[in-house]
């Protein structure tokens, strides 16, 4: 398996971007969750963007991680949004998660 590139990056003082360069399935989700728990402690009010533009698949633990990040951000007073490629955006829209979480389709993917 190729090395996974993902993480939480402070792009500026205004926004933290979580970039996931793979599908949100299986062990990847559990590895991400461990990493994000520690990194989320440093976020205090900044908007957080979960960039899933490179992924095409998500499983139930992946959805649970997205919802968990949403709840964590809400508890900290931070805005949370997801940028998804067309495949994942259709999934989120089908299950009406777009009505609860700010999820946008990333163009040009």
Protein backbone atom coordinates (compact mmCIF):
# COMPACT_ATOMS: atom_id res chain seq x y z
CA UNK A 1 0.00 0.00 0.00
CA UNK A 2 1.30 3.43 -0.85
CA UNK A 3 2.10 5.80 1.96
CA UNK A 4 -0.97 7.75 2.98
CA UNK A 5 -0.68 11.53 3.09
CA UNK A 6 -3.14 13.17 5.34
CA UNK A 7 -3.10 15.52 8.23
CA UNK A 8 -4.20 18.70 9.81
CA UNK A 9 -2.51 21.75 8.40
CA UNK A 10 -2.80 25.29 9.65
CA UNK A 11 -2.87 27.11 6.35
CA UNK A 12 -3.22 30.44 8.05
CA UNK A 13 -4.60 31.86 11.25
CA UNK A 14 -8.10 31.74 9.79
CA UNK A 15 -8.52 28.09 8.75
CA UNK A 16 -7.30 24.57 9.45
CA UNK A 17 -7.51 22.17 6.54
CA UNK A 18 -7.61 18.42 7.04
CA UNK A 19 -6.52 16.82 3.79
CA UNK A 20 -7.16 13.12 3.25
CA UNK A 21 -5.37 11.74 0.20
CA UNK A 22 -7.11 8.36 0.18
CA UNK A 23 -10.48 6.67 0.61
CA UNK A 24 -12.01 6.91 4.10
CA UNK A 25 -12.26 3.18 4.73
CA UNK A 26 -10.93 0.52 7.08
CA UNK A 27 -7.73 1.02 9.00
CA UNK A 28 -7.14 4.41 7.38
CA UNK A 29 -10.08 5.81 9.35
CA UNK A 30 -8.77 4.50 12.66
CA UNK A 31 -5.30 5.92 11.96
CA UNK A 32 -6.82 9.29 11.04
CA UNK A 33 -9.00 9.34 14.14
CA UNK A 34 -6.01 8.85 16.44
CA UNK A 35 -4.09 11.63 14.73
CA UNK A 36 -6.98 14.08 14.63
CA UNK A 37 -7.89 13.68 18.30
CA UNK A 38 -4.54 15.14 19.34
CA UNK A 39 -4.43 17.78 16.62
CA UNK A 40 -7.97 19.01 17.30
CA UNK A 41 -6.93 20.07 20.80
CA UNK A 42 -5.11 23.03 19.23
CA UNK A 43 -8.13 24.40 17.39
CA UNK A 44 -9.84 27.23 19.20
CA UNK A 45 -12.50 28.87 17.11
CA UNK A 46 -10.87 28.57 13.68
CA UNK A 47 -12.94 27.10 10.85
CA UNK A 48 -11.99 23.53 9.95
CA UNK A 49 -12.24 22.15 6.41
CA UNK A 50 -12.11 18.39 5.82
CA UNK A 51 -10.81 17.94 2.27
CA UNK A 52 -11.90 14.55 0.93
CA UNK A 53 -11.42 15.52 -2.70
CA UNK A 54 -9.01 12.67 -3.48
CA UNK A 55 -11.24 9.91 -2.09
CA UNK A 56 -14.00 8.02 -3.83
CA UNK A 57 -15.11 5.62 -1.09
CA UNK A 58 -16.24 5.98 2.51
CA UNK A 59 -17.46 3.35 4.96
CA UNK A 60 -19.49 3.68 8.17
CA UNK A 61 -16.41 4.39 10.37
CA UNK A 62 -15.45 7.08 7.84
CA UNK A 63 -18.88 8.69 8.13
CA UNK A 64 -18.67 8.42 11.93
CA UNK A 65 -15.30 10.22 11.84
CA UNK A 66 -16.79 13.04 9.74
CA UNK A 67 -19.72 13.40 12.15
CA UNK A 68 -17.36 13.24 15.14
CA UNK A 69 -15.18 16.03 13.71
CA UNK A 70 -18.34 18.08 13.07
CA UNK A 71 -19.44 17.62 16.70
CA UNK A 72 -15.96 18.39 18.06
CA UNK A 73 -15.78 21.59 16.05
CA UNK A 74 -19.28 22.61 17.10
CA UNK A 75 -18.35 22.08 20.76
CA UNK A 76 -15.29 24.32 20.29
CA UNK A 77 -17.25 27.02 18.49
CA UNK A 78 -15.54 26.32 15.17
CA UNK A 79 -17.25 26.15 11.81
CA UNK A 80 -16.80 22.80 10.06
CA UNK A 81 -17.18 21.95 6.40
CA UNK A 82 -16.32 19.11 4.06
CA UNK A 83 -15.07 19.40 0.50
CA UNK A 84 -15.77 16.19 -1.41
CA UNK A 85 -15.26 14.91 -4.92
CA UNK A 86 -18.32 14.08 -7.02
CA UNK A 87 -18.60 10.44 -5.84
CA UNK A 88 -18.49 11.24 -2.13
CA UNK A 89 -20.65 14.32 -2.56
CA UNK A 90 -23.39 12.15 -4.13
CA UNK A 91 -23.10 9.75 -1.19
CA UNK A 92 -23.40 12.54 1.40
CA UNK A 93 -26.33 14.06 -0.48
CA UNK A 94 -28.10 10.69 -0.82
CA UNK A 95 -27.97 10.18 2.93
CA UNK A 96 -28.95 13.81 3.55
CA UNK A 97 -25.79 14.65 5.48
CA UNK A 98 -25.64 17.84 3.40
CA UNK A 99 -28.64 19.07 5.40
CA UNK A 100 -26.71 18.78 8.67
CA UNK A 101 -23.09 19.45 7.73
CA UNK A 102 -21.78 22.07 5.30
CA UNK A 103 -20.62 19.75 2.50
CA UNK A 104 -19.52 21.14 -0.85
CA UNK A 105 -18.60 19.41 -4.06
CA UNK A 106 -15.08 20.24 -5.13
CA UNK A 107 -15.03 21.16 -8.79
CA UNK A 108 -12.32 20.03 -11.13
CA UNK A 109 -11.66 16.65 -9.55
